[in-house]
Amino acid sequence: MIVEERTYHVYTGKLPELVKLYATEGIEVQKEILGGMLGAYTTDIGELSCYVSMWQYDDFAQREQRRAVLSADPRWQAFLVKITPLIHTQRNRILLPTSFSPVG
């Protein structure tokens, strides 16, 4: 099992717009295709204006396959056109659970 942590640093003042777009258009497509949603968060302390989502996969191959399907979906492509101008930078990390992790 792996967890993907995706962090989008959004231009100052644009986080509410990004969150609203995810809530109304993006998250359902992601949940349908990616499955394994662990959570979606915004930051309050530290690096601000960030949207963070975490997704669980059986392995890296499943992640690649599901993300390829998501990328090819016309609904997702239309959504990306709306959110891309709001995003300053993106960081992705793959997290591997320890033997004592409650998730994994």
PDB file of N, CA and C in Angstrom:
ATOM      1  N   MET A   1       0.838  -1.170   0.000  1.00  0.00           N
ATOM      2  CA  MET A   1       0.000   0.000   0.000  1.00  0.00           C
ATOM      3  C   MET A   1       0.893   1.246   0.000  1.00  0.00           C
ATOM      4  N   ILE A   2       0.477   2.252  -0.756  1.00  0.00           N
ATOM      5  CA  ILE A   2       1.155   3.545  -0.754  1.00  0.00           C
ATOM      6  C   ILE A   2       0.124   4.655  -0.573  1.00  0.00           C
ATOM      7  N   VAL A   3       0.596   5.802  -0.105  1.00  0.00           N
ATOM      8  CA  VAL A   3      -0.246   6.998   0.009  1.00  0.00           C
ATOM      9  C   VAL A   3       0.430   8.091  -0.810  1.00  0.00           C
ATOM     10  N   GLU A   4      -0.350   8.734  -1.652  1.00  0.00           N
ATOM     11  CA  GLU A   4       0.156   9.882  -2.395  1.00  0.00           C
ATOM     12  C   GLU A   4      -0.349  11.146  -1.722  1.00  0.00           C
ATOM     13  N   GLU A   5       0.571  12.014  -1.391  1.00  0.00           N
ATOM     14  CA  GLU A   5       0.254  13.326  -0.839  1.00  0.00           C
ATOM     15  C   GLU A   5       0.504  14.348  -1.948  1.00  0.00           C
ATOM     16  N   ARG A   6      -0.535  15.071  -2.346  1.00  0.00           N
ATOM     17  CA  ARG A   6      -0.437  16.081  -3.400  1.00  0.00           C
ATOM     18  C   ARG A   6      -0.712  17.446  -2.771  1.00  0.00           C
ATOM     19  N   THR A   7       0.237  18.362  -2.907  1.00  0.00           N
ATOM     20  CA  THR A   7       0.099  19.694  -2.334  1.00  0.00           C
ATOM     21  C   THR A   7       0.153  20.723  -3.453  1.00  0.00           C
ATOM     22  N   TYR A   8      -0.873  21.549  -3.502  1.00  0.00           N
ATOM     23  CA  TYR A   8      -0.923  22.646  -4.469  1.00  0.00           C
ATOM     24  C   TYR A   8      -0.803  23.949  -3.704  1.00  0.00           C
ATOM     25  N   HIS A   9       0.249  24.716  -4.000  1.00  0.00           N
ATOM     26  CA  HIS A   9       0.384  26.044  -3.421  1.00  0.00           C
ATOM     27  C   HIS A   9      -0.331  26.993  -4.373  1.00  0.00           C
ATOM     28  N   VAL A  10      -1.353  27.649  -3.879  1.00  0.00           N
ATOM     29  CA  VAL A  10      -2.252  28.465  -4.682  1.00  0.00           C
ATOM     30  C   VAL A  10      -1.856  29.933  -4.528  1.00  0.00           C
ATOM     31  N   TYR A  11      -2.064  30.702  -5.573  1.00  0.00           N
ATOM     32  CA  TYR A  11      -1.791  32.137  -5.482  1.00  0.00           C
ATOM     33  C   TYR A  11      -2.590  32.744  -4.323  1.00  0.00           C
ATOM     34  N   THR A  12      -1.968  33.688  -3.632  1.00  0.00           N
ATOM     35  CA  THR A  12      -2.578  34.330  -2.472  1.00  0.00           C
ATOM     36  C   THR A  12      -3.973  34.853  -2.817  1.00  0.00           C
ATOM     37  N   GLY A  13      -4.934  34.491  -1.974  1.00  0.00           N
ATOM     38  CA  GLY A  13      -6.314  34.924  -2.152  1.00  0.00           C
ATOM     39  C   GLY A  13      -7.153  34.008  -3.030  1.00  0.00           C
ATOM     40  N   LYS A  14      -6.538  33.002  -3.651  1.00  0.00           N
ATOM     41  CA  LYS A  14      -7.258  32.133  -4.594  1.00  0.00           C
ATOM     42  C   LYS A  14      -7.670  30.786  -3.998  1.00  0.00           C
ATOM     43  N   LEU A  15      -7.267  30.515  -2.764  1.00  0.00           N
ATOM     44  CA  LEU A  15      -7.582  29.219  -2.166  1.00  0.00           C
ATOM     45  C   LEU A  15      -9.084  28.963  -2.058  1.00  0.00           C
ATOM     46  N   PRO A  16      -9.902  29.926  -1.610  1.00  0.00           N
ATOM     47  CA  PRO A  16     -11.349  29.667  -1.547  1.00  0.00           C
ATOM     48  C   PRO A  16     -11.939  29.302  -2.920  1.00  0.00           C
ATOM     49  N   GLU A  17     -11.455  29.932  -3.964  1.00  0.00           N
ATOM     50  CA  GLU A  17     -11.942  29.620  -5.314  1.00  0.00           C
ATOM     51  C   GLU A  17     -11.563  28.195  -5.723  1.00  0.00           C
ATOM     52  N   LEU A  18     -10.318  27.797  -5.431  1.00  0.00           N
ATOM     53  CA  LEU A  18      -9.870  26.443  -5.759  1.00  0.00           C
ATOM     54  C   LEU A  18     -10.681  25.405  -4.989  1.00  0.00           C
ATOM     55  N   VAL A  19     -10.870  25.622  -3.696  1.00  0.00           N
ATOM     56  CA  VAL A  19     -11.631  24.682  -2.862  1.00  0.00           C
ATOM     57  C   VAL A  19     -13.066  24.568  -3.370  1.00  0.00           C
ATOM     58  N   LYS A  20     -13.674  25.687  -3.735  1.00  0.00           N
ATOM     59  CA  LYS A  20     -15.047  25.659  -4.254  1.00  0.00           C
ATOM     60  C   LYS A  20     -15.122  24.865  -5.560  1.00  0.00           C
ATOM     61  N   LEU A  21     -14.146  25.048  -6.443  1.00  0.00           N
ATOM     62  CA  LEU A  21     -14.131  24.295  -7.703  1.00  0.00           C
ATOM     63  C   LEU A  21     -13.979  22.796  -7.448  1.00  0.00           C
ATOM     64  N   TYR A  22     -13.099  22.437  -6.524  1.00  0.00           N
ATOM     65  CA  TYR A  22     -12.976  21.022  -6.179  1.00  0.00           C
ATOM     66  C   TYR A  22     -14.293  20.488  -5.631  1.00  0.00           C
ATOM     67  N   ALA A  23     -14.903  21.228  -4.718  1.00  0.00           N
ATOM     68  CA  ALA A  23     -16.138  20.771  -4.077  1.00  0.00           C
ATOM     69  C   ALA A  23     -17.276  20.586  -5.075  1.00  0.00           C
ATOM     70  N   THR A  24     -17.357  21.470  -6.054  1.00  0.00           N
ATOM     71  CA  THR A  24     -18.493  21.447  -6.970  1.00  0.00           C
ATOM     72  C   THR A  24     -18.231  20.688  -8.262  1.00  0.00           C
ATOM     73  N   GLU A  25     -16.964  20.514  -8.649  1.00  0.00           N
ATOM     74  CA  GLU A  25     -16.686  19.898  -9.946  1.00  0.00           C
ATOM     75  C   GLU A  25     -15.615  18.809  -9.933  1.00  0.00           C
ATOM     76  N   GLY A  26     -14.598  18.953  -9.123  1.00  0.00           N
ATOM     77  CA  GLY A  26     -13.434  18.085  -9.254  1.00  0.00           C
ATOM     78  C   GLY A  26     -13.412  16.839  -8.408  1.00  0.00           C
ATOM     79  N   ILE A  27     -13.828  16.950  -7.157  1.00  0.00           N
ATOM     80  CA  ILE A  27     -13.591  15.843  -6.228  1.00  0.00           C
ATOM     81  C   ILE A  27     -14.389  14.593  -6.580  1.00  0.00           C
ATOM     82  N   GLU A  28     -15.600  14.758  -7.087  1.00  0.00           N
ATOM     83  CA  GLU A  28     -16.399  13.576  -7.433  1.00  0.00           C
ATOM     84  C   GLU A  28     -15.764  12.780  -8.570  1.00  0.00           C
ATOM     85  N   VAL A  29     -15.177  13.471  -9.543  1.00  0.00           N
ATOM     86  CA  VAL A  29     -14.494  12.783 -10.644  1.00  0.00           C
ATOM     87  C   VAL A  29     -13.277  12.043 -10.093  1.00  0.00           C
ATOM     88  N   GLN A  30     -12.521  12.703  -9.239  1.00  0.00           N
ATOM     89  CA  GLN A  30     -11.360  12.054  -8.643  1.00  0.00           C
ATOM     90  C   GLN A  30     -11.760  10.829  -7.826  1.00  0.00           C
ATOM     91  N   LYS A  31     -12.764  10.972  -6.974  1.00  0.00           N
ATOM     92  CA  LYS A  31     -13.189   9.844  -6.138  1.00  0.00           C
ATOM     93  C   LYS A  31     -13.675   8.683  -6.992  1.00  0.00           C
ATOM     94  N   GLU A  32     -14.399   8.992  -8.058  1.00  0.00           N
ATOM     95  CA  GLU A  32     -14.908   7.941  -8.956  1.00  0.00           C
ATOM     96  C   GLU A  32     -13.763   7.170  -9.608  1.00  0.00           C
ATOM     97  N   ILE A  33     -12.747   7.868 -10.070  1.00  0.00           N
ATOM     98  CA  ILE A  33     -11.687   7.226 -10.848  1.00  0.00           C
ATOM     99  C   ILE A  33     -10.523   6.760  -9.972  1.00  0.00           C
ATOM    100  N   LEU A  34     -10.094   7.590  -9.042  1.00  0.00           N
ATOM    101  CA  LEU A  34      -8.935   7.240  -8.232  1.00  0.00           C
ATOM    102  C   LEU A  34      -9.288   6.311  -7.082  1.00  0.00           C
ATOM    103  N   GLY A  35     -10.479   6.495  -6.483  1.00  0.00           N
ATOM    104  CA  GLY A  35     -10.820   5.733  -5.286  1.00  0.00           C
ATOM    105  C   GLY A  35      -9.817   6.051  -4.180  1.00  0.00           C
ATOM    106  N   GLY A  36      -9.969   5.470  -3.051  1.00  0.00           N
ATOM    107  CA  GLY A  36      -8.982   5.551  -1.988  1.00  0.00           C
ATOM    108  C   GLY A  36      -8.686   6.930  -1.434  1.00  0.00           C
ATOM    109  N   MET A  37      -9.659   7.822  -1.448  1.00  0.00           N
ATOM    110  CA  MET A  37      -9.406   9.152  -0.901  1.00  0.00           C
ATOM    111  C   MET A  37      -9.308   9.076   0.622  1.00  0.00           C
ATOM    112  N   LEU A  38      -8.184   9.577   1.149  1.00  0.00           N
ATOM    113  CA  LEU A  38      -7.991   9.610   2.598  1.00  0.00           C
ATOM    114  C   LEU A  38      -8.391  10.952   3.183  1.00  0.00           C
ATOM    115  N   GLY A  39      -8.282  12.022   2.385  1.00  0.00           N
ATOM    116  CA  GLY A  39      -8.666  13.330   2.894  1.00  0.00           C
ATOM    117  C   GLY A  39      -8.215  14.449   1.986  1.00  0.00           C
ATOM    118  N   ALA A  40      -8.804  15.608   2.214  1.00  0.00           N
ATOM    119  CA  ALA A  40      -8.429  16.848   1.531  1.00  0.00           C
ATOM    120  C   ALA A  40      -8.396  17.941   2.579  1.00  0.00           C
ATOM    121  N   TYR A  41      -7.364  18.777   2.527  1.00  0.00           N
ATOM    122  CA  TYR A  41      -7.109  19.735   3.598  1.00  0.00           C
ATOM    123  C   TYR A  41      -6.633  21.065   3.030  1.00  0.00           C
ATOM    124  N   THR A  42      -6.781  22.111   3.817  1.00  0.00           N
ATOM    125  CA  THR A  42      -6.116  23.386   3.549  1.00  0.00           C
ATOM    126  C   THR A  42      -5.200  23.662   4.726  1.00  0.00           C
ATOM    127  N   THR A  43      -4.217  24.530   4.512  1.00  0.00           N
ATOM    128  CA  THR A  43      -3.272  24.830   5.582  1.00  0.00           C
ATOM    129  C   THR A  43      -3.702  26.082   6.343  1.00  0.00           C
ATOM    130  N   ASP A  44      -3.415  26.077   7.635  1.00  0.00           N
ATOM    131  CA  ASP A  44      -3.782  27.188   8.498  1.00  0.00           C
ATOM    132  C   ASP A  44      -2.555  27.804   9.157  1.00  0.00           C
ATOM    133  N   ILE A  45      -1.530  26.998   9.374  1.00  0.00           N
ATOM    134  CA  ILE A  45      -0.287  27.451   9.988  1.00  0.00           C
ATOM    135  C   ILE A  45       0.857  26.904   9.148  1.00  0.00           C
ATOM    136  N   GLY A  46       1.932  27.657   9.032  1.00  0.00           N
ATOM    137  CA  GLY A  46       3.066  27.231   8.217  1.00  0.00           C
ATOM    138  C   GLY A  46       2.927  27.779   6.807  1.00  0.00           C
ATOM    139  N   GLU A  47       3.207  26.942   5.820  1.00  0.00           N
ATOM    140  CA  GLU A  47       3.084  27.363   4.420  1.00  0.00           C
ATOM    141  C   GLU A  47       1.600  27.531   4.098  1.00  0.00           C
ATOM    142  N   LEU A  48       1.182  28.764   3.877  1.00  0.00           N
ATOM    143  CA  LEU A  48      -0.233  29.069   3.686  1.00  0.00           C
ATOM    144  C   LEU A  48      -0.639  28.954   2.219  1.00  0.00           C
ATOM    145  N   SER A  49      -1.934  29.081   1.983  1.00  0.00           N
ATOM    146  CA  SER A  49      -2.516  29.016   0.638  1.00  0.00           C
ATOM    147  C   SER A  49      -2.237  27.678  -0.033  1.00  0.00           C
ATOM    148  N   CYS A  50      -2.356  26.596   0.739  1.00  0.00           N
ATOM    149  CA  CYS A  50      -2.105  25.263   0.197  1.00  0.00           C
ATOM    150  C   CYS A  50      -3.351  24.386   0.290  1.00  0.00           C
ATOM    151  N   TYR A  51      -3.549  23.593  -0.738  1.00  0.00           N
ATOM    152  CA  TYR A  51      -4.583  22.561  -0.773  1.00  0.00           C
ATOM    153  C   TYR A  51      -3.833  21.234  -0.823  1.00  0.00           C
ATOM    154  N   VAL A  52      -4.130  20.350   0.121  1.00  0.00           N
ATOM    155  CA  VAL A  52      -3.438  19.075   0.228  1.00  0.00           C
ATOM    156  C   VAL A  52      -4.464  17.951   0.144  1.00  0.00           C
ATOM    157  N   SER A  53      -4.196  16.979  -0.724  1.00  0.00           N
ATOM    158  CA  SER A  53      -5.056  15.798  -0.774  1.00  0.00           C
ATOM    159  C   SER A  53      -4.196  14.555  -0.619  1.00  0.00           C
ATOM    160  N   MET A  54      -4.814  13.516  -0.051  1.00  0.00           N
ATOM    161  CA  MET A  54      -4.105  12.256   0.172  1.00  0.00           C
ATOM    162  C   MET A  54      -4.944  11.115  -0.384  1.00  0.00           C
ATOM    163  N   TRP A  55      -4.253  10.255  -1.163  1.00  0.00           N
ATOM    164  CA  TRP A  55      -4.909   9.154  -1.870  1.00  0.00           C
ATOM    165  C   TRP A  55      -4.173   7.859  -1.597  1.00  0.00           C
ATOM    166  N   GLN A  56      -4.929   6.799  -1.348  1.00  0.00           N
ATOM    167  CA  GLN A  56      -4.356   5.493  -1.045  1.00  0.00           C
ATOM    168  C   GLN A  56      -4.475   4.591  -2.269  1.00  0.00           C
ATOM    169  N   TYR A  57      -3.390   3.875  -2.565  1.00  0.00           N
ATOM    170  CA  TYR A  57      -3.355   2.914  -3.676  1.00  0.00           C
ATOM    171  C   TYR A  57      -2.743   1.610  -3.191  1.00  0.00           C
ATOM    172  N   ASP A  58      -3.052   0.536  -3.892  1.00  0.00           N
ATOM    173  CA  ASP A  58      -2.449  -0.755  -3.553  1.00  0.00           C
ATOM    174  C   ASP A  58      -0.941  -0.723  -3.784  1.00  0.00           C
ATOM    175  N   ASP A  59      -0.534  -0.084  -4.887  1.00  0.00           N
ATOM    176  CA  ASP A  59       0.878   0.011  -5.245  1.00  0.00           C
ATOM    177  C   ASP A  59       1.057   1.111  -6.286  1.00  0.00           C
ATOM    178  N   PHE A  60       2.303   1.333  -6.695  1.00  0.00           N
ATOM    179  CA  PHE A  60       2.592   2.408  -7.630  1.00  0.00           C
ATOM    180  C   PHE A  60       1.971   2.139  -8.998  1.00  0.00           C
ATOM    181  N   ALA A  61       1.902   0.872  -9.402  1.00  0.00           N
ATOM    182  CA  ALA A  61       1.301   0.535 -10.704  1.00  0.00           C
ATOM    183  C   ALA A  61      -0.180   0.908 -10.729  1.00  0.00           C
ATOM    184  N   GLN A  62      -0.902   0.643  -9.643  1.00  0.00           N
ATOM    185  CA  GLN A  62      -2.316   1.021  -9.586  1.00  0.00           C
ATOM    186  C   GLN A  62      -2.456   2.543  -9.644  1.00  0.00           C
ATOM    187  N   ARG A  63      -1.583   3.249  -8.951  1.00  0.00           N
ATOM    188  CA  ARG A  63      -1.609   4.710  -8.990  1.00  0.00           C
ATOM    189  C   ARG A  63      -1.416   5.212 -10.417  1.00  0.00           C
ATOM    190  N   GLU A  64      -0.417   4.697 -11.108  1.00  0.00           N
ATOM    191  CA  GLU A  64      -0.156   5.118 -12.487  1.00  0.00           C
ATOM    192  C   GLU A  64      -1.358   4.848 -13.384  1.00  0.00           C
ATOM    193  N   GLN A  65      -1.965   3.683 -13.248  1.00  0.00           N
ATOM    194  CA  GLN A  65      -3.099   3.317 -14.092  1.00  0.00           C
ATOM    195  C   GLN A  65      -4.284   4.232 -13.830  1.00  0.00           C
ATOM    196  N   ARG A  66      -4.612   4.449 -12.578  1.00  0.00           N
ATOM    197  CA  ARG A  66      -5.768   5.290 -12.240  1.00  0.00           C
ATOM    198  C   ARG A  66      -5.542   6.755 -12.609  1.00  0.00           C
ATOM    199  N   ARG A  67      -4.319   7.242 -12.408  1.00  0.00           N
ATOM    200  CA  ARG A  67      -4.041   8.634 -12.772  1.00  0.00           C
ATOM    201  C   ARG A  67      -4.084   8.812 -14.289  1.00  0.00           C
ATOM    202  N   ALA A  68      -3.699   7.797 -15.056  1.00  0.00           N
ATOM    203  CA  ALA A  68      -3.788   7.861 -16.519  1.00  0.00           C
ATOM    204  C   ALA A  68      -5.242   7.939 -16.963  1.00  0.00           C
ATOM    205  N   VAL A  69      -6.107   7.158 -16.331  1.00  0.00           N
ATOM    206  CA  VAL A  69      -7.540   7.204 -16.654  1.00  0.00           C
ATOM    207  C   VAL A  69      -8.099   8.582 -16.306  1.00  0.00           C
ATOM    208  N   LEU A  70      -7.715   9.110 -15.140  1.00  0.00           N
ATOM    209  CA  LEU A  70      -8.177  10.440 -14.740  1.00  0.00           C
ATOM    210  C   LEU A  70      -7.722  11.494 -15.749  1.00  0.00           C
ATOM    211  N   SER A  71      -6.471  11.458 -16.137  1.00  0.00           N
ATOM    212  CA  SER A  71      -5.932  12.449 -17.073  1.00  0.00           C
ATOM    213  C   SER A  71      -6.647  12.437 -18.416  1.00  0.00           C
ATOM    214  N   ALA A  72      -7.132  11.272 -18.835  1.00  0.00           N
ATOM    215  CA  ALA A  72      -7.804  11.144 -20.134  1.00  0.00           C
ATOM    216  C   ALA A  72      -9.284  11.502 -20.080  1.00  0.00           C
ATOM    217  N   ASP A  73      -9.837  11.651 -18.890  1.00  0.00           N
ATOM    218  CA  ASP A  73     -11.276  11.909 -18.748  1.00  0.00           C
ATOM    219  C   ASP A  73     -11.607  13.353 -19.140  1.00  0.00           C
ATOM    220  N   PRO A  74     -12.553  13.560 -20.062  1.00  0.00           N
ATOM    221  CA  PRO A  74     -12.901  14.918 -20.502  1.00  0.00           C
ATOM    222  C   PRO A  74     -13.401  15.815 -19.367  1.00  0.00           C
ATOM    223  N   ARG A  75     -14.067  15.242 -18.381  1.00  0.00           N
ATOM    224  CA  ARG A  75     -14.533  16.044 -17.244  1.00  0.00           C
ATOM    225  C   ARG A  75     -13.349  16.604 -16.466  1.00  0.00           C
ATOM    226  N   TRP A  76     -12.325  15.773 -16.281  1.00  0.00           N
ATOM    227  CA  TRP A  76     -11.137  16.197 -15.554  1.00  0.00           C
ATOM    228  C   TRP A  76     -10.357  17.228 -16.366  1.00  0.00           C
ATOM    229  N   GLN A  77     -10.259  17.018 -17.649  1.00  0.00           N
ATOM    230  CA  GLN A  77      -9.559  17.969 -18.509  1.00  0.00           C
ATOM    231  C   GLN A  77     -10.223  19.343 -18.455  1.00  0.00           C
ATOM    232  N   ALA A  78     -11.546  19.380 -18.470  1.00  0.00           N
ATOM    233  CA  ALA A  78     -12.274  20.652 -18.374  1.00  0.00           C
ATOM    234  C   ALA A  78     -12.050  21.305 -17.013  1.00  0.00           C
ATOM    235  N   PHE A  79     -11.982  20.499 -15.969  1.00  0.00           N
ATOM    236  CA  PHE A  79     -11.726  20.996 -14.625  1.00  0.00           C
ATOM    237  C   PHE A  79     -10.327  21.608 -14.521  1.00  0.00           C
ATOM    238  N   LEU A  80      -9.342  20.939 -15.112  1.00  0.00           N
ATOM    239  CA  LEU A  80      -7.967  21.438 -15.059  1.00  0.00           C
ATOM    240  C   LEU A  80      -7.822  22.820 -15.691  1.00  0.00           C
ATOM    241  N   VAL A  81      -8.585  23.068 -16.743  1.00  0.00           N
ATOM    242  CA  VAL A  81      -8.547  24.385 -17.384  1.00  0.00           C
ATOM    243  C   VAL A  81      -8.930  25.475 -16.388  1.00  0.00           C
ATOM    244  N   LYS A  82      -9.832  25.153 -15.479  1.00  0.00           N
ATOM    245  CA  LYS A  82     -10.296  26.136 -14.490  1.00  0.00           C
ATOM    246  C   LYS A  82      -9.321  26.329 -13.326  1.00  0.00           C
ATOM    247  N   ILE A  83      -8.680  25.239 -12.879  1.00  0.00           N
ATOM    248  CA  ILE A  83      -7.843  25.366 -11.681  1.00  0.00           C
ATOM    249  C   ILE A  83      -6.378  25.695 -11.969  1.00  0.00           C
ATOM    250  N   THR A  84      -5.891  25.342 -13.142  1.00  0.00           N
ATOM    251  CA  THR A  84      -4.473  25.560 -13.447  1.00  0.00           C
ATOM    252  C   THR A  84      -4.036  27.011 -13.242  1.00  0.00           C
ATOM    253  N   PRO A  85      -4.804  28.011 -13.656  1.00  0.00           N
ATOM    254  CA  PRO A  85      -4.364  29.396 -13.434  1.00  0.00           C
ATOM    255  C   PRO A  85      -4.300  29.802 -11.957  1.00  0.00           C
ATOM    256  N   LEU A  86      -4.903  29.017 -11.074  1.00  0.00           N
ATOM    257  CA  LEU A  86      -4.915  29.344  -9.647  1.00  0.00           C
ATOM    258  C   LEU A  86      -3.696  28.792  -8.914  1.00  0.00           C
ATOM    259  N   ILE A  87      -3.007  27.830  -9.526  1.00  0.00           N
ATOM    260  CA  ILE A  87      -1.939  27.087  -8.853  1.00  0.00           C
ATOM    261  C   ILE A  87      -0.572  27.683  -9.179  1.00  0.00           C
ATOM    262  N   HIS A  88       0.171  27.985  -8.111  1.00  0.00           N
ATOM    263  CA  HIS A  88       1.528  28.521  -8.248  1.00  0.00           C
ATOM    264  C   HIS A  88       2.532  27.385  -8.407  1.00  0.00           C
ATOM    265  N   THR A  89       2.517  26.426  -7.495  1.00  0.00           N
ATOM    266  CA  THR A  89       3.426  25.278  -7.555  1.00  0.00           C
ATOM    267  C   THR A  89       2.707  24.034  -7.046  1.00  0.00           C
ATOM    268  N   GLN A  90       3.291  22.881  -7.363  1.00  0.00           N
ATOM    269  CA  GLN A  90       2.727  21.602  -6.940  1.00  0.00           C
ATOM    270  C   GLN A  90       3.855  20.727  -6.417  1.00  0.00           C
ATOM    271  N   ARG A  91       3.535  19.948  -5.378  1.00  0.00           N
ATOM    272  CA  ARG A  91       4.486  18.983  -4.833  1.00  0.00           C
ATOM    273  C   ARG A  91       3.752  17.674  -4.595  1.00  0.00           C
ATOM    274  N   ASN A  92       4.315  16.583  -5.057  1.00  0.00           N
ATOM    275  CA  ASN A  92       3.752  15.251  -4.830  1.00  0.00           C
ATOM    276  C   ASN A  92       4.769  14.424  -4.056  1.00  0.00           C
ATOM    277  N   ARG A  93       4.262  13.638  -3.120  1.00  0.00           N
ATOM    278  CA  ARG A  93       5.115  12.705  -2.389  1.00  0.00           C
ATOM    279  C   ARG A  93       4.400  11.364  -2.297  1.00  0.00           C
ATOM    280  N   ILE A  94       5.161  10.302  -2.392  1.00  0.00           N
ATOM    281  CA  ILE A  94       4.640   8.956  -2.159  1.00  0.00           C
ATOM    282  C   ILE A  94       5.107   8.538  -0.768  1.00  0.00           C
ATOM    283  N   LEU A  95       4.148   8.203   0.082  1.00  0.00           N
ATOM    284  CA  LEU A  95       4.432   7.818   1.457  1.00  0.00           C
ATOM    285  C   LEU A  95       4.230   6.320   1.609  1.00  0.00           C
ATOM    286  N   LEU A  96       5.183   5.674   2.271  1.00  0.00           N
ATOM    287  CA  LEU A  96       5.102   4.240   2.536  1.00  0.00           C
ATOM    288  C   LEU A  96       4.798   4.051   4.021  1.00  0.00           C
ATOM    289  N   PRO A  97       3.788   3.258   4.350  1.00  0.00           N
ATOM    290  CA  PRO A  97       3.441   3.096   5.765  1.00  0.00           C
ATOM    291  C   PRO A  97       4.467   2.273   6.533  1.00  0.00           C
ATOM    292  N   THR A  98       4.631   2.624   7.782  1.00  0.00           N
ATOM    293  CA  THR A  98       5.441   1.806   8.675  1.00  0.00           C
ATOM    294  C   THR A  98       4.629   0.580   9.091  1.00  0.00           C
ATOM    295  N   SER A  99       5.277  -0.368   9.717  1.00  0.00           N
ATOM    296  CA  SER A  99       4.581  -1.574  10.156  1.00  0.00           C
ATOM    297  C   SER A  99       3.497  -1.281  11.203  1.00  0.00           C
ATOM    298  N   PHE A 100       3.604  -0.143  11.897  1.00  0.00           N
ATOM    299  CA  PHE A 100       2.653   0.186  12.964  1.00  0.00           C
ATOM    300  C   PHE A 100       1.682   1.300  12.568  1.00  0.00           C
ATOM    301  N   SER A 101       1.654   1.664  11.290  1.00  0.00           N
ATOM    302  CA  SER A 101       0.751   2.711  10.844  1.00  0.00           C
ATOM    303  C   SER A 101      -0.703   2.226  10.864  1.00  0.00           C
ATOM    304  N   PRO A 102      -1.633   3.033  11.405  1.00  0.00           N
ATOM    305  CA  PRO A 102      -3.031   2.615  11.407  1.00  0.00           C
ATOM    306  C   PRO A 102      -3.660   2.590  10.017  1.00  0.00           C
ATOM    307  N   VAL A 103      -3.083   3.341   9.068  1.00  0.00           N
ATOM    308  CA  VAL A 103      -3.549   3.289   7.674  1.00  0.00           C
ATOM    309  C   VAL A 103      -2.472   2.542   6.901  1.00  0.00           C
ATOM    310  N   GLY A 104      -2.858   1.424   6.318  1.00  0.00           N
ATOM    311  CA  GLY A 104      -1.881   0.646   5.555  1.00  0.00           C
ATOM    312  C   GLY A 104      -1.763  -0.685   6.130  1.00  0.00           C
TER     313      GLY A 104
END
